[in-house]
Amino acid sequence: MKILITGCAGFIGMHVCARLLARGDEVVGIDNLNDYYDVNLKEARLARLILQPGFRFVKLDIAARDGMAALFAAERPQRVINLAAQAGVRYSLQNPHAYIESNVTGFTNILEGCRHNGVEHLVYASSSSVYGGNEKLPFSEHDNVDHPVSLYAATKKANELMAHTYSHLYGLPATGLRFFTVYGPWGRPDMALFLFTRAMLEDRPLEVYNHGRMQRDFTYIDDIVEGVLRVLDRPPAADPAFDKQRPDPATSWAPWRVFNIGNHQPVELMAYIEALEAALGKPAEKNFLPLQPGDVPATSADTVELGRITGFVPATPVAEGVRRFVDWYRAYHGV
């Protein structure tokens, strides 16, 4: 298939591109290579893709309306995977406009491109952040998600609603994927594992929020990629059993679905740090801090629906995933 992937130089985007190319798909990758974090890392990821047969890169911002319209018209992709977004809960408190431009305006441009060019299936990144103030664990797609606690989360919920509108009005098959704390080789420098590893190797203390009383459903990158591909190959159909008197947030009368992709085994933050200490072979000094605004104390993914529809549920143990990240980090940085 010919597949358009936005955010191809990002952490998840690079890995998804590589897997699609390995199975023989043609991939058109776009990215604006912005400086939210180290551009050199993005370029290094991109360098791993550019020389592969079947890959073509276009430098473009998804918020560029005319550029996106021209790209869709020229390429006519069969399917689209939207992984481009302004990421990060904490940064959304500092620069809210970046989230509207990328996650709302940019996503509108993607929906319009899909609508006008016969795209068979749109798969897009949502986030576990949409569960917001919900304290019922594990988080289920059947739960209400109307109480976000950060603008980032609100934009991801908006994406799900916008996609549903296009599924209803234009019959666009669309699937949202709620990722749960993705980690692994080539990860983002603003994520905890990258920050912790760098601090420990530089003999600095770790900034441990909520005094270490955090739980996260850490999900290894290879599991995320497998989930993305399995969903991509299964465009959603309308749910014939959908009851408008008792609407289910997970499905619709339109060809629209959302799925959690998580490890369904939440890990205490302190246990995550212990896995990193074991991988690095040294103890960490810890600076305990309060919970940050916009953050939540715990996440946990109910993955029953993902397993039922795709036959796959993420299961890479944290100790193994952290070790693989540390091996990559040492090789990439020469430390």
C-alpha atoms as a PDB file:
ATOM      1  CA  MET A   1       0.000   0.000   0.000  1.00  0.00           C
ATOM      2  CA  LYS A   2       0.928   3.638  -0.308  1.00  0.00           C
ATOM      3  CA  ILE A   3       0.842   5.123   3.163  1.00  0.00           C
ATOM      4  CA  LEU A   4       1.286   8.732   4.263  1.00  0.00           C
ATOM      5  CA  ILE A   5       2.842   9.108   7.708  1.00  0.00           C
ATOM      6  CA  THR A   6       3.007  12.454   9.451  1.00  0.00           C
ATOM      7  CA  GLY A   7       5.671  12.984  12.109  1.00  0.00           C
ATOM      8  CA  CYS A   8       7.987  10.502  10.383  1.00  0.00           C
ATOM      9  CA  ALA A   9      11.092  11.888  12.118  1.00  0.00           C
ATOM     10  CA  GLY A  10       9.481  11.477  15.525  1.00  0.00           C
ATOM     11  CA  PHE A  11      10.053   8.649  17.961  1.00  0.00           C
ATOM     12  CA  ILE A  12       7.017   6.536  17.088  1.00  0.00           C
ATOM     13  CA  GLY A  13       6.913   7.761  13.488  1.00  0.00           C
ATOM     14  CA  MET A  14      10.410   6.532  12.631  1.00  0.00           C
ATOM     15  CA  HIS A  15       9.729   3.071  14.037  1.00  0.00           C
ATOM     16  CA  VAL A  16       6.377   2.766  12.246  1.00  0.00           C
ATOM     17  CA  CYS A  17       7.944   3.846   8.926  1.00  0.00           C
ATOM     18  CA  ALA A  18      10.714   1.254   9.306  1.00  0.00           C
ATOM     19  CA  ARG A  19       8.235  -1.567   9.913  1.00  0.00           C
ATOM     20  CA  LEU A  20       6.039  -0.578   6.967  1.00  0.00           C
ATOM     21  CA  LEU A  21       9.042  -0.387   4.653  1.00  0.00           C
ATOM     22  CA  ALA A  22      10.241  -3.777   5.884  1.00  0.00           C
ATOM     23  CA  ARG A  23       6.962  -5.369   4.864  1.00  0.00           C
ATOM     24  CA  GLY A  24       7.057  -3.748   1.413  1.00  0.00           C
ATOM     25  CA  ASP A  25       4.750  -0.745   1.679  1.00  0.00           C
ATOM     26  CA  GLU A  26       5.477   2.566  -0.039  1.00  0.00           C
ATOM     27  CA  VAL A  27       5.807   5.313   2.563  1.00  0.00           C
ATOM     28  CA  VAL A  28       5.558   9.071   2.099  1.00  0.00           C
ATOM     29  CA  GLY A  29       6.811  10.645   5.313  1.00  0.00           C
ATOM     30  CA  ILE A  30       6.323  14.272   6.319  1.00  0.00           C
ATOM     31  CA  ASP A  31       7.742  16.202   9.247  1.00  0.00           C
ATOM     32  CA  ASN A  32       8.463  19.859   9.961  1.00  0.00           C
ATOM     33  CA  LEU A  33      11.631  19.029  11.979  1.00  0.00           C
ATOM     34  CA  ASN A  34      10.777  21.675  14.576  1.00  0.00           C
ATOM     35  CA  ASP A  35      13.039  22.457  17.530  1.00  0.00           C
ATOM     36  CA  TYR A  36      10.733  21.346  20.371  1.00  0.00           C
ATOM     37  CA  TYR A  37      13.641  19.014  21.158  1.00  0.00           C
ATOM     38  CA  ASP A  38      17.034  18.215  19.631  1.00  0.00           C
ATOM     39  CA  VAL A  39      16.743  18.476  15.835  1.00  0.00           C
ATOM     40  CA  ASN A  40      19.911  16.389  15.465  1.00  0.00           C
ATOM     41  CA  LEU A  41      18.085  13.413  16.957  1.00  0.00           C
ATOM     42  CA  LYS A  42      15.215  13.870  14.505  1.00  0.00           C
ATOM     43  CA  GLU A  43      17.647  14.096  11.595  1.00  0.00           C
ATOM     44  CA  ALA A  44      19.454  10.970  12.794  1.00  0.00           C
ATOM     45  CA  ARG A  45      16.160   9.082  12.839  1.00  0.00           C
ATOM     46  CA  LEU A  46      15.322  10.385   9.378  1.00  0.00           C
ATOM     47  CA  ALA A  47      18.733   9.328   8.064  1.00  0.00           C
ATOM     48  CA  ARG A  48      17.822   5.715   8.906  1.00  0.00           C
ATOM     49  CA  LEU A  49      14.805   5.935   6.606  1.00  0.00           C
ATOM     50  CA  ILE A  50      15.869   8.069   3.659  1.00  0.00           C
ATOM     51  CA  LEU A  51      18.132   5.490   2.028  1.00  0.00           C
ATOM     52  CA  GLN A  52      15.549   2.710   2.211  1.00  0.00           C
ATOM     53  CA  PRO A  53      13.703   1.765  -0.990  1.00  0.00           C
ATOM     54  CA  GLY A  54      10.091   2.862  -0.981  1.00  0.00           C
ATOM     55  CA  PHE A  55      10.541   5.875   1.306  1.00  0.00           C
ATOM     56  CA  ARG A  56      10.168   9.503   0.312  1.00  0.00           C
ATOM     57  CA  PHE A  57      10.487  12.463   2.678  1.00  0.00           C
ATOM     58  CA  VAL A  58       8.678  15.793   2.399  1.00  0.00           C
ATOM     59  CA  LYS A  59       9.504  18.571   4.838  1.00  0.00           C
ATOM     60  CA  LEU A  60       6.133  20.104   5.661  1.00  0.00           C
ATOM     61  CA  ASP A  61       4.149  21.377   8.631  1.00  0.00           C
ATOM     62  CA  ILE A  62       0.703  19.771   8.924  1.00  0.00           C
ATOM     63  CA  ALA A  63      -0.651  23.206   9.914  1.00  0.00           C
ATOM     64  CA  ALA A  64       0.205  24.495   6.397  1.00  0.00           C
ATOM     65  CA  ARG A  65      -3.233  24.290   4.790  1.00  0.00           C
ATOM     66  CA  ASP A  66      -2.273  24.795   1.132  1.00  0.00           C
ATOM     67  CA  GLY A  67       0.816  22.608   1.379  1.00  0.00           C
ATOM     68  CA  MET A  68      -1.148  19.745   2.916  1.00  0.00           C
ATOM     69  CA  ALA A  69      -3.903  20.007   0.300  1.00  0.00           C
ATOM     70  CA  ALA A  70      -1.325  19.912  -2.493  1.00  0.00           C
ATOM     71  CA  LEU A  71       0.484  16.955  -0.924  1.00  0.00           C
ATOM     72  CA  PHE A  72      -2.673  14.851  -0.630  1.00  0.00           C
ATOM     73  CA  ALA A  73      -3.713  15.690  -4.191  1.00  0.00           C
ATOM     74  CA  ALA A  74      -0.287  14.774  -5.566  1.00  0.00           C
ATOM     75  CA  GLU A  75       0.323  11.606  -3.560  1.00  0.00           C
ATOM     76  CA  ARG A  76      -3.187  10.137  -3.215  1.00  0.00           C
ATOM     77  CA  PRO A  77      -2.247   7.813  -0.341  1.00  0.00           C
ATOM     78  CA  GLN A  78      -4.442   4.787   0.314  1.00  0.00           C
ATOM     79  CA  ARG A  79      -4.077   5.079   4.082  1.00  0.00           C
ATOM     80  CA  VAL A  80      -2.819   7.738   6.480  1.00  0.00           C
ATOM     81  CA  ILE A  81      -1.141   7.479   9.887  1.00  0.00           C
ATOM     82  CA  ASN A  82      -1.085  10.791  11.756  1.00  0.00           C
ATOM     83  CA  LEU A  83       1.692  10.816  14.372  1.00  0.00           C
ATOM     84  CA  ALA A  84       2.566  14.510  14.037  1.00  0.00           C
ATOM     85  CA  ALA A  85       1.556  16.553  17.059  1.00  0.00           C
ATOM     86  CA  GLN A  86       2.818  19.002  19.600  1.00  0.00           C
ATOM     87  CA  ALA A  87       3.507  16.562  22.412  1.00  0.00           C
ATOM     88  CA  GLY A  88       4.025  16.936  26.134  1.00  0.00           C
ATOM     89  CA  VAL A  89       1.695  17.719  29.006  1.00  0.00           C
ATOM     90  CA  ARG A  90       3.999  20.130  30.828  1.00  0.00           C
ATOM     91  CA  TYR A  91       4.937  22.181  27.751  1.00  0.00           C
ATOM     92  CA  SER A  92       1.240  22.799  27.067  1.00  0.00           C
ATOM     93  CA  LEU A  93       1.173  25.012  30.169  1.00  0.00           C
ATOM     94  CA  GLN A  94       3.915  27.187  28.664  1.00  0.00           C
ATOM     95  CA  ASN A  95       2.996  27.361  24.991  1.00  0.00           C
ATOM     96  CA  PRO A  96      -0.702  26.563  24.474  1.00  0.00           C
ATOM     97  CA  HIS A  97      -0.873  28.078  20.993  1.00  0.00           C
ATOM     98  CA  ALA A  98       1.549  25.453  19.627  1.00  0.00           C
ATOM     99  CA  TYR A  99      -0.971  22.755  20.575  1.00  0.00           C
ATOM    100  CA  ILE A 100      -3.874  24.421  18.793  1.00  0.00           C
ATOM    101  CA  GLU A 101      -1.826  25.045  15.644  1.00  0.00           C
ATOM    102  CA  SER A 102      -0.521  21.487  15.337  1.00  0.00           C
ATOM    103  CA  ASN A 103      -3.076  19.294  17.088  1.00  0.00           C
ATOM    104  CA  VAL A 104      -6.250  21.077  16.012  1.00  0.00           C
ATOM    105  CA  THR A 105      -5.507  23.123  12.859  1.00  0.00           C
ATOM    106  CA  GLY A 106      -3.050  20.521  11.580  1.00  0.00           C
ATOM    107  CA  PHE A 107      -5.461  17.676  12.246  1.00  0.00           C
ATOM    108  CA  THR A 108      -8.204  19.530  10.377  1.00  0.00           C
ATOM    109  CA  ASN A 109      -5.924  19.673   7.339  1.00  0.00           C
ATOM    110  CA  ILE A 110      -5.363  15.916   7.574  1.00  0.00           C
ATOM    111  CA  LEU A 111      -9.078  15.200   7.824  1.00  0.00           C
ATOM    112  CA  GLU A 112      -9.761  17.395   4.805  1.00  0.00           C
ATOM    113  CA  GLY A 113      -6.994  15.668   2.829  1.00  0.00           C
ATOM    114  CA  CYS A 114      -8.478  12.282   3.641  1.00  0.00           C
ATOM    115  CA  ARG A 115     -11.995  13.433   2.800  1.00  0.00           C
ATOM    116  CA  HIS A 116     -11.164  14.834  -0.619  1.00  0.00           C
ATOM    117  CA  ASN A 117      -8.780  12.112  -1.778  1.00  0.00           C
ATOM    118  CA  GLY A 118     -10.509   8.837  -1.057  1.00  0.00           C
ATOM    119  CA  VAL A 119      -8.338   7.670   1.840  1.00  0.00           C
ATOM    120  CA  GLU A 120      -9.382   4.165   2.933  1.00  0.00           C
ATOM    121  CA  HIS A 121      -8.409   4.487   6.601  1.00  0.00           C
ATOM    122  CA  LEU A 122      -7.066   7.214   8.873  1.00  0.00           C
ATOM    123  CA  VAL A 123      -5.193   6.038  11.973  1.00  0.00           C
ATOM    124  CA  TYR A 124      -4.208   8.820  14.346  1.00  0.00           C
ATOM    125  CA  ALA A 125      -2.429   9.187  17.658  1.00  0.00           C
ATOM    126  CA  SER A 126      -4.581  10.028  20.626  1.00  0.00           C
ATOM    127  CA  SER A 127      -3.272   9.681  24.183  1.00  0.00           C
ATOM    128  CA  SER A 128      -3.960   8.120  27.567  1.00  0.00           C
ATOM    129  CA  SER A 129      -4.060  11.753  28.739  1.00  0.00           C
ATOM    130  CA  VAL A 130      -7.678  11.981  27.528  1.00  0.00           C
ATOM    131  CA  TYR A 131      -8.752  10.062  30.656  1.00  0.00           C
ATOM    132  CA  GLY A 132      -7.819  13.167  32.660  1.00  0.00           C
ATOM    133  CA  GLY A 133      -9.378  13.268  36.109  1.00  0.00           C
ATOM    134  CA  ASN A 134     -10.820   9.756  35.807  1.00  0.00           C
ATOM    135  CA  GLU A 135      -9.556   7.682  38.761  1.00  0.00           C
ATOM    136  CA  LYS A 136     -11.242   4.405  37.779  1.00  0.00           C
ATOM    137  CA  LEU A 137      -8.456   1.992  36.843  1.00  0.00           C
ATOM    138  CA  PRO A 138      -7.772   0.435  34.427  1.00  0.00           C
ATOM    139  CA  PHE A 139      -8.859   3.044  31.899  1.00  0.00           C
ATOM    140  CA  SER A 140     -11.340   1.612  29.411  1.00  0.00           C
ATOM    141  CA  GLU A 141     -12.395   2.947  26.023  1.00  0.00           C
ATOM    142  CA  HIS A 142     -15.941   2.553  27.286  1.00  0.00           C
ATOM    143  CA  ASP A 143     -15.291   5.176  30.005  1.00  0.00           C
ATOM    144  CA  ASN A 144     -16.322   8.809  29.685  1.00  0.00           C
ATOM    145  CA  VAL A 145     -13.393  11.127  28.883  1.00  0.00           C
ATOM    146  CA  ASP A 146     -14.929  14.566  29.399  1.00  0.00           C
ATOM    147  CA  HIS A 147     -12.608  15.847  32.140  1.00  0.00           C
ATOM    148  CA  PRO A 148      -9.121  16.550  30.720  1.00  0.00           C
ATOM    149  CA  VAL A 149      -6.578  18.163  33.043  1.00  0.00           C
ATOM    150  CA  SER A 150      -4.213  19.647  30.424  1.00  0.00           C
ATOM    151  CA  LEU A 151      -4.626  21.440  27.104  1.00  0.00           C
ATOM    152  CA  TYR A 152      -2.620  18.653  25.462  1.00  0.00           C
ATOM    153  CA  ALA A 153      -5.237  16.141  26.623  1.00  0.00           C
ATOM    154  CA  ALA A 154      -8.051  18.422  25.458  1.00  0.00           C
ATOM    155  CA  THR A 155      -6.580  18.615  21.947  1.00  0.00           C
ATOM    156  CA  LYS A 156      -6.324  14.824  21.785  1.00  0.00           C
ATOM    157  CA  LYS A 157      -9.943  14.457  22.856  1.00  0.00           C
ATOM    158  CA  ALA A 158     -10.776  17.068  20.196  1.00  0.00           C
ATOM    159  CA  ASN A 159      -9.048  14.885  17.577  1.00  0.00           C
ATOM    160  CA  GLU A 160     -11.278  11.958  18.494  1.00  0.00           C
ATOM    161  CA  LEU A 161     -14.394  14.117  18.193  1.00  0.00           C
ATOM    162  CA  MET A 162     -13.264  15.693  14.923  1.00  0.00           C
ATOM    163  CA  ALA A 163     -12.513  12.279  13.424  1.00  0.00           C
ATOM    164  CA  HIS A 164     -15.942  11.033  14.468  1.00  0.00           C
ATOM    165  CA  THR A 165     -17.567  13.972  12.702  1.00  0.00           C
ATOM    166  CA  TYR A 166     -15.784  13.092   9.446  1.00  0.00           C
ATOM    167  CA  SER A 167     -16.631   9.414   9.864  1.00  0.00           C
ATOM    168  CA  HIS A 168     -20.302  10.345  10.284  1.00  0.00           C
ATOM    169  CA  LEU A 169     -20.527  12.993   7.567  1.00  0.00           C
ATOM    170  CA  TYR A 170     -18.239  11.528   4.905  1.00  0.00           C
ATOM    171  CA  GLY A 171     -17.897   7.838   5.765  1.00  0.00           C
ATOM    172  CA  LEU A 172     -14.170   8.170   6.498  1.00  0.00           C
ATOM    173  CA  PRO A 173     -12.987   5.091   8.435  1.00  0.00           C
ATOM    174  CA  ALA A 174     -10.957   6.487  11.348  1.00  0.00           C
ATOM    175  CA  THR A 175      -9.259   4.865  14.327  1.00  0.00           C
ATOM    176  CA  GLY A 176      -7.771   6.722  17.289  1.00  0.00           C
ATOM    177  CA  LEU A 177      -5.006   5.112  19.331  1.00  0.00           C
ATOM    178  CA  ARG A 178      -4.598   6.103  22.969  1.00  0.00           C
ATOM    179  CA  PHE A 179      -0.896   5.519  23.603  1.00  0.00           C
ATOM    180  CA  PHE A 180       0.250   4.874  27.167  1.00  0.00           C
ATOM    181  CA  THR A 181       3.726   6.259  28.092  1.00  0.00           C
ATOM    182  CA  VAL A 182       5.771   4.984  25.161  1.00  0.00           C
ATOM    183  CA  TYR A 183       9.488   4.339  25.728  1.00  0.00           C
ATOM    184  CA  GLY A 184      12.413   2.634  24.016  1.00  0.00           C
ATOM    185  CA  PRO A 185      15.387   3.237  21.679  1.00  0.00           C
ATOM    186  CA  TRP A 186      15.345   6.568  19.823  1.00  0.00           C
ATOM    187  CA  GLY A 187      12.910   7.946  22.425  1.00  0.00           C
ATOM    188  CA  ARG A 188      12.103  11.589  23.085  1.00  0.00           C
ATOM    189  CA  PRO A 189      14.561  13.572  25.237  1.00  0.00           C
ATOM    190  CA  ASP A 190      11.712  15.144  27.232  1.00  0.00           C
ATOM    191  CA  MET A 191      10.448  11.773  28.472  1.00  0.00           C
ATOM    192  CA  ALA A 192      11.316  10.404  31.914  1.00  0.00           C
ATOM    193  CA  LEU A 193      13.544   7.507  30.825  1.00  0.00           C
ATOM    194  CA  PHE A 194      15.732   9.733  28.644  1.00  0.00           C
ATOM    195  CA  LEU A 195      15.958  12.418  31.334  1.00  0.00           C
ATOM    196  CA  PHE A 196      16.723   9.887  34.074  1.00  0.00           C
ATOM    197  CA  THR A 197      19.390   8.093  32.039  1.00  0.00           C
ATOM    198  CA  ARG A 198      21.146  11.327  31.143  1.00  0.00           C
ATOM    199  CA  ALA A 199      21.058  12.553  34.746  1.00  0.00           C
ATOM    200  CA  MET A 200      22.450   9.313  36.149  1.00  0.00           C
ATOM    201  CA  LEU A 201      25.290   9.165  33.634  1.00  0.00           C
ATOM    202  CA  GLU A 202      26.130  12.785  34.497  1.00  0.00           C
ATOM    203  CA  ASP A 203      25.912  12.039  38.250  1.00  0.00           C
ATOM    204  CA  ARG A 204      23.003  14.404  38.772  1.00  0.00           C
ATOM    205  CA  PRO A 205      19.919  13.703  40.926  1.00  0.00           C
ATOM    206  CA  LEU A 206      16.670  12.590  39.311  1.00  0.00           C
ATOM    207  CA  GLU A 207      13.643  14.880  39.561  1.00  0.00           C
ATOM    208  CA  VAL A 208      11.002  12.468  40.844  1.00  0.00           C
ATOM    209  CA  TYR A 209       7.522  14.010  40.843  1.00  0.00           C
ATOM    210  CA  ASN A 210       4.636  13.253  43.210  1.00  0.00           C
ATOM    211  CA  HIS A 211       7.321  12.117  45.658  1.00  0.00           C
ATOM    212  CA  GLY A 212       7.694   8.918  43.641  1.00  0.00           C
ATOM    213  CA  ARG A 213       4.077   7.893  44.155  1.00  0.00           C
ATOM    214  CA  MET A 214       3.336   7.565  40.448  1.00  0.00           C
ATOM    215  CA  GLN A 215       2.121   4.636  38.379  1.00  0.00           C
ATOM    216  CA  ARG A 216       2.480   4.467  34.635  1.00  0.00           C
ATOM    217  CA  ASP A 217       1.528   1.881  32.061  1.00  0.00           C
ATOM    218  CA  PHE A 218       4.942   2.027  30.366  1.00  0.00           C
ATOM    219  CA  THR A 219       4.627   0.596  26.833  1.00  0.00           C
ATOM    220  CA  TYR A 220       7.636  -0.503  24.786  1.00  0.00           C
ATOM    221  CA  ILE A 221       7.979   0.981  21.309  1.00  0.00           C
ATOM    222  CA  ASP A 222       7.942  -2.352  19.430  1.00  0.00           C
ATOM    223  CA  ASP A 223       4.585  -3.178  21.033  1.00  0.00           C
ATOM    224  CA  ILE A 224       3.212   0.208  20.002  1.00  0.00           C
ATOM    225  CA  VAL A 225       4.320  -0.325  16.397  1.00  0.00           C
ATOM    226  CA  GLU A 226       2.780  -3.785  16.247  1.00  0.00           C
ATOM    227  CA  GLY A 227      -0.480  -2.347  17.544  1.00  0.00           C
ATOM    228  CA  VAL A 228      -0.442   0.484  14.996  1.00  0.00           C
ATOM    229  CA  LEU A 229       0.088  -1.890  12.059  1.00  0.00           C
ATOM    230  CA  ARG A 230      -2.571  -4.342  13.183  1.00  0.00           C
ATOM    231  CA  VAL A 231      -5.096  -1.538  13.547  1.00  0.00           C
ATOM    232  CA  LEU A 232      -4.063   0.010  10.209  1.00  0.00           C
ATOM    233  CA  ASP A 233      -4.894  -3.258   8.446  1.00  0.00           C
ATOM    234  CA  ARG A 234      -8.369  -3.395  10.036  1.00  0.00           C
ATOM    235  CA  PRO A 235     -10.421  -0.333   9.031  1.00  0.00           C
ATOM    236  CA  PRO A 236     -13.364   0.090  11.405  1.00  0.00           C
ATOM    237  CA  ALA A 237     -16.922  -0.619  10.375  1.00  0.00           C
ATOM    238  CA  ALA A 238     -20.095   0.871  11.780  1.00  0.00           C
ATOM    239  CA  ASP A 239     -21.242  -0.888  14.942  1.00  0.00           C
ATOM    240  CA  PRO A 240     -24.652  -2.416  14.093  1.00  0.00           C
ATOM    241  CA  ALA A 241     -25.410  -2.809  17.812  1.00  0.00           C
ATOM    242  CA  PHE A 242     -24.737   0.835  18.676  1.00  0.00           C
ATOM    243  CA  ASP A 243     -27.532   2.169  20.889  1.00  0.00           C
ATOM    244  CA  LYS A 244     -28.084   5.927  20.678  1.00  0.00           C
ATOM    245  CA  GLN A 245     -30.162   5.761  23.855  1.00  0.00           C
ATOM    246  CA  ARG A 246     -27.109   4.434  25.729  1.00  0.00           C
ATOM    247  CA  PRO A 247     -24.143   5.546  23.607  1.00  0.00           C
ATOM    248  CA  ASP A 248     -20.840   3.701  24.036  1.00  0.00           C
ATOM    249  CA  PRO A 249     -17.819   6.099  23.882  1.00  0.00           C
ATOM    250  CA  ALA A 250     -15.706   3.334  22.271  1.00  0.00           C
ATOM    251  CA  THR A 251     -17.768   2.752  19.120  1.00  0.00           C
ATOM    252  CA  SER A 252     -20.270   4.432  16.804  1.00  0.00           C
ATOM    253  CA  TRP A 253     -22.907   4.030  14.138  1.00  0.00           C
ATOM    254  CA  ALA A 254     -20.155   5.539  11.935  1.00  0.00           C
ATOM    255  CA  PRO A 255     -16.942   3.714  10.871  1.00  0.00           C
ATOM    256  CA  TRP A 256     -14.998   5.002  13.886  1.00  0.00           C
ATOM    257  CA  ARG A 257     -13.160   3.376  16.800  1.00  0.00           C
ATOM    258  CA  VAL A 258     -10.724   4.199  19.583  1.00  0.00           C
ATOM    259  CA  PHE A 259      -8.295   1.758  21.190  1.00  0.00           C
ATOM    260  CA  ASN A 260      -5.968   1.800  24.172  1.00  0.00           C
ATOM    261  CA  ILE A 261      -2.443   0.638  23.381  1.00  0.00           C
ATOM    262  CA  GLY A 262      -0.737   0.012  26.706  1.00  0.00           C
ATOM    263  CA  ASN A 263       1.178  -2.693  28.505  1.00  0.00           C
ATOM    264  CA  HIS A 264      -1.846  -3.298  30.810  1.00  0.00           C
ATOM    265  CA  GLN A 265       0.623  -3.763  33.691  1.00  0.00           C
ATOM    266  CA  PRO A 266       1.116  -0.416  35.467  1.00  0.00           C
ATOM    267  CA  VAL A 267       4.500   0.001  37.138  1.00  0.00           C
ATOM    268  CA  GLU A 268       5.403   2.118  40.136  1.00  0.00           C
ATOM    269  CA  LEU A 269       7.771   4.925  39.152  1.00  0.00           C
ATOM    270  CA  MET A 270      10.258   3.788  41.791  1.00  0.00           C
ATOM    271  CA  ALA A 271      10.289   0.282  40.254  1.00  0.00           C
ATOM    272  CA  TYR A 272      10.929   1.878  36.846  1.00  0.00           C
ATOM    273  CA  ILE A 273      13.892   3.720  38.336  1.00  0.00           C
ATOM    274  CA  GLU A 274      15.128   0.462  39.885  1.00  0.00           C
ATOM    275  CA  ALA A 275      15.071  -1.156  36.432  1.00  0.00           C
ATOM    276  CA  LEU A 276      17.164   1.748  35.126  1.00  0.00           C
ATOM    277  CA  GLU A 277      19.605   1.432  38.041  1.00  0.00           C
ATOM    278  CA  ALA A 278      20.022  -2.265  37.213  1.00  0.00           C
ATOM    279  CA  ALA A 279      20.579  -1.539  33.511  1.00  0.00           C
ATOM    280  CA  LEU A 280      23.170   1.166  34.246  1.00  0.00           C
ATOM    281  CA  GLY A 281      24.759  -0.711  37.146  1.00  0.00           C
ATOM    282  CA  LYS A 282      24.660   2.259  39.499  1.00  0.00           C
ATOM    283  CA  PRO A 283      22.305   3.791  42.084  1.00  0.00           C
ATOM    284  CA  ALA A 284      20.378   6.990  41.427  1.00  0.00           C
ATOM    285  CA  GLU A 285      20.226  10.035  43.663  1.00  0.00           C
ATOM    286  CA  LYS A 286      16.627  11.237  43.858  1.00  0.00           C
ATOM    287  CA  ASN A 287      15.143  14.688  44.384  1.00  0.00           C
ATOM    288  CA  PHE A 288      11.484  14.181  45.348  1.00  0.00           C
ATOM    289  CA  LEU A 289       9.046  16.861  44.141  1.00  0.00           C
ATOM    290  CA  PRO A 290       5.253  17.418  44.237  1.00  0.00           C
ATOM    291  CA  LEU A 291       2.879  16.433  41.431  1.00  0.00           C
ATOM    292  CA  GLN A 292       3.107  18.864  38.534  1.00  0.00           C
ATOM    293  CA  PRO A 293       0.053  20.771  37.229  1.00  0.00           C
ATOM    294  CA  GLY A 294      -1.684  18.901  34.409  1.00  0.00           C
ATOM    295  CA  ASP A 295      -0.200  15.554  35.445  1.00  0.00           C
ATOM    296  CA  VAL A 296      -2.057  12.538  36.847  1.00  0.00           C
ATOM    297  CA  PRO A 297      -0.840  10.137  39.555  1.00  0.00           C
ATOM    298  CA  ALA A 298      -1.638   6.889  37.741  1.00  0.00           C
ATOM    299  CA  THR A 299      -2.450   5.392  34.340  1.00  0.00           C
ATOM    300  CA  SER A 300      -3.442   1.839  33.469  1.00  0.00           C
ATOM    301  CA  ALA A 301      -4.719   0.515  30.150  1.00  0.00           C
ATOM    302  CA  ASP A 302      -7.587  -1.882  29.670  1.00  0.00           C
ATOM    303  CA  THR A 303      -6.531  -3.636  26.431  1.00  0.00           C
ATOM    304  CA  VAL A 304      -9.418  -6.097  26.070  1.00  0.00           C
ATOM    305  CA  GLU A 305     -10.777  -4.373  22.957  1.00  0.00           C
ATOM    306  CA  LEU A 306      -7.378  -4.205  21.234  1.00  0.00           C
ATOM    307  CA  GLY A 307      -6.829  -7.910  21.867  1.00  0.00           C
ATOM    308  CA  ARG A 308     -10.329  -8.837  20.737  1.00  0.00           C
ATOM    309  CA  ILE A 309     -10.146  -6.939  17.450  1.00  0.00           C
ATOM    310  CA  THR A 310      -6.472  -7.386  16.503  1.00  0.00           C
ATOM    311  CA  GLY A 311      -5.369 -10.493  18.411  1.00  0.00           C
ATOM    312  CA  PHE A 312      -2.470  -8.548  19.933  1.00  0.00           C
ATOM    313  CA  VAL A 313      -1.800  -7.156  23.399  1.00  0.00           C
ATOM    314  CA  PRO A 314       1.503  -5.434  24.371  1.00  0.00           C
ATOM    315  CA  ALA A 315       3.535  -7.398  26.922  1.00  0.00           C
ATOM    316  CA  THR A 316       7.250  -6.437  26.836  1.00  0.00           C
ATOM    317  CA  PRO A 317       8.519  -6.435  30.457  1.00  0.00           C
ATOM    318  CA  VAL A 318       9.772  -3.070  31.691  1.00  0.00           C
ATOM    319  CA  ALA A 319      13.156  -4.491  32.768  1.00  0.00           C
ATOM    320  CA  GLU A 320      13.772  -5.733  29.218  1.00  0.00           C
ATOM    321  CA  GLY A 321      12.571  -2.546  27.540  1.00  0.00           C
ATOM    322  CA  VAL A 322      14.670  -0.315  29.808  1.00  0.00           C
ATOM    323  CA  ARG A 323      17.770  -2.427  29.156  1.00  0.00           C
ATOM    324  CA  ARG A 324      17.292  -2.090  25.396  1.00  0.00           C
ATOM    325  CA  PHE A 325      16.902   1.680  25.746  1.00  0.00           C
ATOM    326  CA  VAL A 326      20.101   1.949  27.806  1.00  0.00           C
ATOM    327  CA  ASP A 327      22.009  -0.097  25.219  1.00  0.00           C
ATOM    328  CA  TRP A 328      20.818   2.276  22.490  1.00  0.00           C
ATOM    329  CA  TYR A 329      21.524   5.393  24.563  1.00  0.00           C
ATOM    330  CA  ARG A 330      25.104   4.338  25.286  1.00  0.00           C
ATOM    331  CA  ALA A 331      25.745   3.488  21.632  1.00  0.00           C
ATOM    332  CA  TYR A 332      24.134   6.654  20.267  1.00  0.00           C
ATOM    333  CA  HIS A 333      25.893   9.005  22.702  1.00  0.00           C
ATOM    334  CA  GLY A 334      29.114   7.023  22.986  1.00  0.00           C
ATOM    335  CA  VAL A 335      28.973   6.808  26.800  1.00  0.00           C
END
